[in-house]
Amino acid sequence: MEEQQLILIVDPDPARRDGLAHPLIRQGYRVQVTADGATALEVARITRPQMVICARQALERDGATLYRGIRSDARLRFTHLLHVAERSEPFLHTDDDAAPDDLLFRPFLDMELETRVRLGLDRVALLRRVAPLRNVPTLRHELNNPLFAVSGSAESVLARLQILANGGISAAEDLIPRVERILAAAERIGQIVHSLGDLPATPSAPPFAAPEQPPLKKAA
């Protein structure tokens, strides 16, 4: 294991805490233990564990305050919540802001606990890796911005050239086909960009801004 990952165990019963902690320590994890949800929330805000394993009995006084507090703390947004309960215990009813990520019923084998922990920590690692991509513009968006600016500028120039051409200026007539080819090429590029889909883009330069077109001088 490259890095010792921190797991916070919350259970008011010392024997059950030990039963959760010892198998995980043998696997190389760092383990902290607390007896109640309020203390666990204070500890979690300081130590920022990758996972919290909480027994149903630890939530009897404050309900799901521990889970809700973790969910509302941006520093703990990747913390995995594993809820441990007896099959005979009433179901923990919570809203979406206080729902655990996984549920483990007693009795269970050490191997099952270790597997759930490993899968939960893998999930945390994956969430951390993909989180930056949520704010990265897509490749389609990155290409569409300058493409839209170029097309808009070309259409504006074409409209002005057509006005001049209608006024008998031959130079404008010569330029119109060239601008039309630019517009056709831009349309073709737009079709290709659309077919790319939402591919993540690498960090790019500031958004492209088309230069303002100077006003056309009236023909003498």
C-alpha atoms as a PDB file:
ATOM      1  CA  MET A   1       0.000   0.000   0.000  1.00  0.00           C
ATOM      2  CA  GLU A   2       1.660   3.256  -1.150  1.00  0.00           C
ATOM      3  CA  GLU A   3      -0.036   5.526   1.366  1.00  0.00           C
ATOM      4  CA  GLN A   4      -1.620   4.691   4.684  1.00  0.00           C
ATOM      5  CA  GLN A   5      -5.242   5.653   4.281  1.00  0.00           C
ATOM      6  CA  LEU A   6      -7.109   6.869   7.337  1.00  0.00           C
ATOM      7  CA  ILE A   7     -10.302   5.188   8.521  1.00  0.00           C
ATOM      8  CA  LEU A   8     -12.427   6.569  11.355  1.00  0.00           C
ATOM      9  CA  ILE A   9     -14.455   3.988  13.312  1.00  0.00           C
ATOM     10  CA  VAL A  10     -17.462   5.141  15.323  1.00  0.00           C
ATOM     11  CA  ASP A  11     -18.989   2.685  17.801  1.00  0.00           C
ATOM     12  CA  PRO A  12     -19.899   3.072  21.494  1.00  0.00           C
ATOM     13  CA  ASP A  13     -19.021  -0.565  22.255  1.00  0.00           C
ATOM     14  CA  PRO A  14     -15.243  -1.102  22.829  1.00  0.00           C
ATOM     15  CA  ALA A  15     -15.358  -4.777  21.817  1.00  0.00           C
ATOM     16  CA  ARG A  16     -17.087  -3.983  18.529  1.00  0.00           C
ATOM     17  CA  ARG A  17     -14.671  -1.119  17.858  1.00  0.00           C
ATOM     18  CA  ASP A  18     -11.754  -3.506  18.314  1.00  0.00           C
ATOM     19  CA  GLY A  19     -13.449  -6.050  16.069  1.00  0.00           C
ATOM     20  CA  LEU A  20     -13.580  -3.432  13.310  1.00  0.00           C
ATOM     21  CA  ALA A  21     -10.183  -1.865  13.928  1.00  0.00           C
ATOM     22  CA  HIS A  22      -7.873  -4.888  14.258  1.00  0.00           C
ATOM     23  CA  PRO A  23      -8.492  -6.442  10.798  1.00  0.00           C
ATOM     24  CA  LEU A  24      -7.971  -3.056   9.147  1.00  0.00           C
ATOM     25  CA  ILE A  25      -4.777  -2.318  11.061  1.00  0.00           C
ATOM     26  CA  ARG A  26      -3.427  -5.683   9.923  1.00  0.00           C
ATOM     27  CA  GLN A  27      -4.139  -4.604   6.352  1.00  0.00           C
ATOM     28  CA  GLY A  28      -1.977  -1.519   6.826  1.00  0.00           C
ATOM     29  CA  TYR A  29      -4.646   1.141   7.295  1.00  0.00           C
ATOM     30  CA  ARG A  30      -4.391   3.920   9.849  1.00  0.00           C
ATOM     31  CA  VAL A  31      -7.361   3.714  12.217  1.00  0.00           C
ATOM     32  CA  GLN A  32      -8.920   6.192  14.610  1.00  0.00           C
ATOM     33  CA  VAL A  33     -11.810   5.312  16.955  1.00  0.00           C
ATOM     34  CA  THR A  34     -14.529   7.352  18.634  1.00  0.00           C
ATOM     35  CA  ALA A  35     -17.623   6.397  20.592  1.00  0.00           C
ATOM     36  CA  ASP A  36     -20.291   8.787  19.281  1.00  0.00           C
ATOM     37  CA  GLY A  37     -21.298  10.737  16.215  1.00  0.00           C
ATOM     38  CA  ALA A  38     -20.725  14.229  17.599  1.00  0.00           C
ATOM     39  CA  THR A  39     -17.135  13.474  18.565  1.00  0.00           C
ATOM     40  CA  ALA A  40     -16.576  11.657  15.284  1.00  0.00           C
ATOM     41  CA  LEU A  41     -17.653  14.725  13.311  1.00  0.00           C
ATOM     42  CA  GLU A  42     -15.175  16.921  15.193  1.00  0.00           C
ATOM     43  CA  VAL A  43     -12.386  14.395  14.609  1.00  0.00           C
ATOM     44  CA  ALA A  44     -13.285  14.000  10.921  1.00  0.00           C
ATOM     45  CA  ARG A  45     -13.091  17.753  10.330  1.00  0.00           C
ATOM     46  CA  ILE A  46      -9.582  17.774  11.743  1.00  0.00           C
ATOM     47  CA  THR A  47      -8.117  14.538  10.357  1.00  0.00           C
ATOM     48  CA  ARG A  48     -10.157  14.252   7.105  1.00  0.00           C
ATOM     49  CA  PRO A  49     -10.366  10.452   6.878  1.00  0.00           C
ATOM     50  CA  GLN A  50     -10.934   8.710   3.562  1.00  0.00           C
ATOM     51  CA  MET A  51     -13.606   6.520   5.179  1.00  0.00           C
ATOM     52  CA  VAL A  52     -15.901   6.589   8.197  1.00  0.00           C
ATOM     53  CA  ILE A  53     -17.279   3.285   9.504  1.00  0.00           C
ATOM     54  CA  CYS A  54     -20.165   4.009  11.826  1.00  0.00           C
ATOM     55  CA  ALA A  55     -22.276   1.639  13.914  1.00  0.00           C
ATOM     56  CA  ARG A  56     -26.015   2.182  14.124  1.00  0.00           C
ATOM     57  CA  GLN A  57     -25.814   2.558  17.910  1.00  0.00           C
ATOM     58  CA  ALA A  58     -23.492   5.568  17.582  1.00  0.00           C
ATOM     59  CA  LEU A  59     -26.269   7.536  15.869  1.00  0.00           C
ATOM     60  CA  GLU A  60     -29.047   6.894  18.409  1.00  0.00           C
ATOM     61  CA  ARG A  61     -28.676  10.269  20.146  1.00  0.00           C
ATOM     62  CA  ASP A  62     -28.122  12.583  17.207  1.00  0.00           C
ATOM     63  CA  GLY A  63     -29.701  10.573  14.398  1.00  0.00           C
ATOM     64  CA  ALA A  64     -27.808  11.103  11.146  1.00  0.00           C
ATOM     65  CA  THR A  65     -26.119  14.356  12.228  1.00  0.00           C
ATOM     66  CA  LEU A  66     -22.689  12.790  11.627  1.00  0.00           C
ATOM     67  CA  TYR A  67     -23.516  11.820   8.046  1.00  0.00           C
ATOM     68  CA  ARG A  68     -25.194  15.131   7.315  1.00  0.00           C
ATOM     69  CA  GLY A  69     -22.246  17.050   8.754  1.00  0.00           C
ATOM     70  CA  ILE A  70     -19.785  15.131   6.596  1.00  0.00           C
ATOM     71  CA  ARG A  71     -21.882  15.597   3.460  1.00  0.00           C
ATOM     72  CA  SER A  72     -22.153  19.350   4.025  1.00  0.00           C
ATOM     73  CA  ASP A  73     -18.403  19.853   4.550  1.00  0.00           C
ATOM     74  CA  ALA A  74     -16.598  20.508   1.275  1.00  0.00           C
ATOM     75  CA  ARG A  75     -13.344  19.238   2.774  1.00  0.00           C
ATOM     76  CA  LEU A  76     -14.983  15.841   3.396  1.00  0.00           C
ATOM     77  CA  ARG A  77     -16.924  15.554   0.153  1.00  0.00           C
ATOM     78  CA  PHE A  78     -14.978  12.438  -0.907  1.00  0.00           C
ATOM     79  CA  THR A  79     -15.255  10.654   2.455  1.00  0.00           C
ATOM     80  CA  HIS A  80     -16.838   7.216   2.089  1.00  0.00           C
ATOM     81  CA  LEU A  81     -19.520   6.370   4.668  1.00  0.00           C
ATOM     82  CA  LEU A  82     -19.909   2.694   5.620  1.00  0.00           C
ATOM     83  CA  HIS A  83     -22.869   2.063   7.920  1.00  0.00           C
ATOM     84  CA  VAL A  84     -22.736  -1.052  10.132  1.00  0.00           C
ATOM     85  CA  ALA A  85     -25.907  -2.456  11.664  1.00  0.00           C
ATOM     86  CA  GLU A  86     -27.511  -5.603  13.019  1.00  0.00           C
ATOM     87  CA  ARG A  87     -30.074  -7.186  10.743  1.00  0.00           C
ATOM     88  CA  SER A  88     -32.651  -6.901  13.523  1.00  0.00           C
ATOM     89  CA  GLU A  89     -32.134  -3.161  13.984  1.00  0.00           C
ATOM     90  CA  PRO A  90     -34.615  -0.689  12.508  1.00  0.00           C
ATOM     91  CA  PHE A  91     -33.633   0.773   9.173  1.00  0.00           C
ATOM     92  CA  LEU A  92     -31.864   4.131   9.300  1.00  0.00           C
ATOM     93  CA  HIS A  93     -34.181   6.536   7.502  1.00  0.00           C
ATOM     94  CA  THR A  94     -32.305   9.534   6.154  1.00  0.00           C
ATOM     95  CA  ASP A  95     -32.615  12.088   3.398  1.00  0.00           C
ATOM     96  CA  ASP A  96     -30.212  12.147   0.485  1.00  0.00           C
ATOM     97  CA  ASP A  97     -27.919  14.581   2.308  1.00  0.00           C
ATOM     98  CA  ALA A  98     -27.370  12.062   5.118  1.00  0.00           C
ATOM     99  CA  ALA A  99     -27.394   8.715   3.329  1.00  0.00           C
ATOM    100  CA  PRO A 100     -24.398   6.374   3.774  1.00  0.00           C
ATOM    101  CA  ASP A 101     -22.561   5.033   0.742  1.00  0.00           C
ATOM    102  CA  ASP A 102     -22.632   1.396   1.835  1.00  0.00           C
ATOM    103  CA  LEU A 103     -24.320  -0.854   4.396  1.00  0.00           C
ATOM    104  CA  LEU A 104     -22.759  -3.830   6.162  1.00  0.00           C
ATOM    105  CA  PHE A 105     -24.807  -6.181   8.368  1.00  0.00           C
ATOM    106  CA  ARG A 106     -23.487  -8.050  11.378  1.00  0.00           C
ATOM    107  CA  PRO A 107     -22.334 -10.736  11.740  1.00  0.00           C
ATOM    108  CA  PHE A 108     -19.701 -10.565   9.000  1.00  0.00           C
ATOM    109  CA  LEU A 109     -16.309 -12.097   8.319  1.00  0.00           C
ATOM    110  CA  ASP A 110     -13.130 -10.032   8.442  1.00  0.00           C
ATOM    111  CA  MET A 111     -12.672 -10.753   4.748  1.00  0.00           C
ATOM    112  CA  GLU A 112     -16.045  -9.179   3.948  1.00  0.00           C
ATOM    113  CA  LEU A 113     -15.168  -6.065   5.964  1.00  0.00           C
ATOM    114  CA  GLU A 114     -11.786  -5.790   4.251  1.00  0.00           C
ATOM    115  CA  THR A 115     -13.418  -6.159   0.824  1.00  0.00           C
ATOM    116  CA  ARG A 116     -16.012  -3.450   1.525  1.00  0.00           C
ATOM    117  CA  VAL A 117     -13.304  -1.116   2.789  1.00  0.00           C
ATOM    118  CA  ARG A 118     -11.069  -1.711  -0.223  1.00  0.00           C
ATOM    119  CA  LEU A 119     -13.951  -1.111  -2.650  1.00  0.00           C
ATOM    120  CA  GLY A 120     -14.973   2.031  -0.793  1.00  0.00           C
ATOM    121  CA  LEU A 121     -11.466   3.452  -0.870  1.00  0.00           C
ATOM    122  CA  ASP A 122     -11.175   2.616  -4.573  1.00  0.00           C
ATOM    123  CA  ARG A 123     -14.360   4.615  -5.085  1.00  0.00           C
ATOM    124  CA  VAL A 124     -12.879   7.561  -3.173  1.00  0.00           C
ATOM    125  CA  ALA A 125      -9.730   7.446  -5.312  1.00  0.00           C
ATOM    126  CA  LEU A 126     -11.816   7.392  -8.503  1.00  0.00           C
ATOM    127  CA  LEU A 127     -13.955  10.344  -7.373  1.00  0.00           C
ATOM    128  CA  ARG A 128     -10.818  12.347  -6.644  1.00  0.00           C
ATOM    129  CA  ARG A 129      -9.414  11.617 -10.107  1.00  0.00           C
ATOM    130  CA  VAL A 130     -12.545  12.553 -12.045  1.00  0.00           C
ATOM    131  CA  ALA A 131     -13.525  15.567  -9.952  1.00  0.00           C
ATOM    132  CA  PRO A 132     -11.290  18.021 -11.884  1.00  0.00           C
ATOM    133  CA  LEU A 133     -12.899  16.936 -15.165  1.00  0.00           C
ATOM    134  CA  ARG A 134     -16.287  18.231 -14.048  1.00  0.00           C
ATOM    135  CA  ASN A 135     -15.069  21.790 -14.474  1.00  0.00           C
ATOM    136  CA  VAL A 136     -13.053  21.223 -17.644  1.00  0.00           C
ATOM    137  CA  PRO A 137     -14.736  22.529 -20.817  1.00  0.00           C
ATOM    138  CA  THR A 138     -15.407  19.930 -23.475  1.00  0.00           C
ATOM    139  CA  LEU A 139     -13.396  19.877 -26.675  1.00  0.00           C
ATOM    140  CA  ARG A 140     -16.546  20.720 -28.620  1.00  0.00           C
ATOM    141  CA  HIS A 141     -17.075  23.822 -26.503  1.00  0.00           C
ATOM    142  CA  GLU A 142     -13.436  24.878 -26.843  1.00  0.00           C
ATOM    143  CA  LEU A 143     -13.611  24.694 -30.647  1.00  0.00           C
ATOM    144  CA  ASN A 144     -17.093  26.119 -31.013  1.00  0.00           C
ATOM    145  CA  ASN A 145     -16.224  29.408 -29.346  1.00  0.00           C
ATOM    146  CA  PRO A 146     -13.657  30.633 -31.887  1.00  0.00           C
ATOM    147  CA  LEU A 147     -15.515  28.943 -34.754  1.00  0.00           C
ATOM    148  CA  PHE A 148     -18.690  30.832 -33.922  1.00  0.00           C
ATOM    149  CA  ALA A 149     -16.743  34.101 -33.758  1.00  0.00           C
ATOM    150  CA  VAL A 150     -15.114  33.485 -37.147  1.00  0.00           C
ATOM    151  CA  SER A 151     -18.434  32.565 -38.768  1.00  0.00           C
ATOM    152  CA  GLY A 152     -20.144  35.630 -37.335  1.00  0.00           C
ATOM    153  CA  SER A 153     -17.391  37.932 -38.530  1.00  0.00           C
ATOM    154  CA  ALA A 154     -17.404  36.371 -42.014  1.00  0.00           C
ATOM    155  CA  GLU A 155     -21.168  36.745 -42.317  1.00  0.00           C
ATOM    156  CA  SER A 156     -20.912  40.397 -41.307  1.00  0.00           C
ATOM    157  CA  VAL A 157     -18.182  41.020 -43.881  1.00  0.00           C
ATOM    158  CA  LEU A 158     -20.191  39.194 -46.562  1.00  0.00           C
ATOM    159  CA  ALA A 159     -23.253  41.339 -45.899  1.00  0.00           C
ATOM    160  CA  ARG A 160     -21.189  44.524 -46.229  1.00  0.00           C
ATOM    161  CA  LEU A 161     -19.527  43.298 -49.425  1.00  0.00           C
ATOM    162  CA  GLN A 162     -22.892  42.518 -50.954  1.00  0.00           C
ATOM    163  CA  ILE A 163     -24.052  46.052 -50.211  1.00  0.00           C
ATOM    164  CA  LEU A 164     -20.935  47.470 -51.858  1.00  0.00           C
ATOM    165  CA  ALA A 165     -21.266  45.107 -54.808  1.00  0.00           C
ATOM    166  CA  ASN A 166     -24.830  46.246 -55.331  1.00  0.00           C
ATOM    167  CA  GLY A 167     -23.437  49.768 -55.428  1.00  0.00           C
ATOM    168  CA  GLY A 168     -21.243  48.843 -58.370  1.00  0.00           C
ATOM    169  CA  ILE A 169     -17.895  48.341 -56.607  1.00  0.00           C
ATOM    170  CA  SER A 170     -16.165  45.576 -58.515  1.00  0.00           C
ATOM    171  CA  ALA A 171     -13.565  44.883 -55.828  1.00  0.00           C
ATOM    172  CA  ALA A 172     -16.351  43.834 -53.495  1.00  0.00           C
ATOM    173  CA  GLU A 173     -17.723  41.425 -56.093  1.00  0.00           C
ATOM    174  CA  ASP A 174     -14.300  39.754 -56.328  1.00  0.00           C
ATOM    175  CA  LEU A 175     -14.117  39.255 -52.549  1.00  0.00           C
ATOM    176  CA  ILE A 176     -17.590  37.774 -52.100  1.00  0.00           C
ATOM    177  CA  PRO A 177     -16.676  34.248 -53.379  1.00  0.00           C
ATOM    178  CA  ARG A 178     -13.672  34.108 -51.056  1.00  0.00           C
ATOM    179  CA  VAL A 179     -15.768  34.964 -48.000  1.00  0.00           C
ATOM    180  CA  GLU A 180     -18.401  32.442 -49.055  1.00  0.00           C
ATOM    181  CA  ARG A 181     -15.692  29.753 -49.187  1.00  0.00           C
ATOM    182  CA  ILE A 182     -14.636  30.725 -45.656  1.00  0.00           C
ATOM    183  CA  LEU A 183     -18.220  30.326 -44.482  1.00  0.00           C
ATOM    184  CA  ALA A 184     -18.536  26.944 -46.193  1.00  0.00           C
ATOM    185  CA  ALA A 185     -15.302  25.759 -44.597  1.00  0.00           C
ATOM    186  CA  ALA A 186     -16.479  26.985 -41.182  1.00  0.00           C
ATOM    187  CA  GLU A 187     -19.727  25.091 -41.598  1.00  0.00           C
ATOM    188  CA  ARG A 188     -17.840  21.906 -42.479  1.00  0.00           C
ATOM    189  CA  ILE A 189     -15.551  22.325 -39.465  1.00  0.00           C
ATOM    190  CA  GLY A 190     -18.636  22.817 -37.303  1.00  0.00           C
ATOM    191  CA  GLN A 191     -20.034  19.489 -38.501  1.00  0.00           C
ATOM    192  CA  ILE A 192     -16.763  17.756 -37.629  1.00  0.00           C
ATOM    193  CA  VAL A 193     -16.659  19.387 -34.197  1.00  0.00           C
ATOM    194  CA  HIS A 194     -20.227  18.300 -33.513  1.00  0.00           C
ATOM    195  CA  SER A 195     -19.288  14.698 -34.288  1.00  0.00           C
ATOM    196  CA  LEU A 196     -16.490  14.772 -31.692  1.00  0.00           C
ATOM    197  CA  GLY A 197     -18.920  14.636 -28.809  1.00  0.00           C
ATOM    198  CA  ASP A 198     -18.151  15.840 -25.301  1.00  0.00           C
ATOM    199  CA  LEU A 199     -14.453  14.993 -25.164  1.00  0.00           C
ATOM    200  CA  PRO A 200     -12.552  16.578 -22.275  1.00  0.00           C
ATOM    201  CA  ALA A 201     -10.356  19.451 -23.331  1.00  0.00           C
ATOM    202  CA  THR A 202      -6.989  20.403 -21.948  1.00  0.00           C
ATOM    203  CA  PRO A 203      -6.665  23.803 -20.266  1.00  0.00           C
ATOM    204  CA  SER A 204      -6.697  26.411 -22.959  1.00  0.00           C
ATOM    205  CA  ALA A 205      -6.106  30.075 -23.582  1.00  0.00           C
ATOM    206  CA  PRO A 206      -8.764  32.641 -22.628  1.00  0.00           C
ATOM    207  CA  PRO A 207     -11.938  32.575 -24.766  1.00  0.00           C
ATOM    208  CA  PHE A 208     -11.412  33.818 -28.293  1.00  0.00           C
ATOM    209  CA  ALA A 209     -12.847  37.230 -29.067  1.00  0.00           C
ATOM    210  CA  ALA A 210     -13.284  38.309 -32.659  1.00  0.00           C
ATOM    211  CA  PRO A 211     -11.860  41.737 -33.443  1.00  0.00           C
ATOM    212  CA  GLU A 212     -14.410  44.430 -34.057  1.00  0.00           C
ATOM    213  CA  GLN A 213     -14.965  45.259 -37.699  1.00  0.00           C
ATOM    214  CA  PRO A 214     -14.195  48.896 -38.539  1.00  0.00           C
ATOM    215  CA  PRO A 215     -17.078  50.735 -40.162  1.00  0.00           C
ATOM    216  CA  LEU A 216     -17.017  50.788 -43.940  1.00  0.00           C
ATOM    217  CA  LYS A 217     -16.385  54.115 -45.539  1.00  0.00           C
ATOM    218  CA  LYS A 218     -18.928  55.324 -47.993  1.00  0.00           C
ATOM    219  CA  ALA A 219     -17.840  55.115 -51.615  1.00  0.00           C
ATOM    220  CA  ALA A 220     -17.110  58.496 -53.139  1.00  0.00           C
END
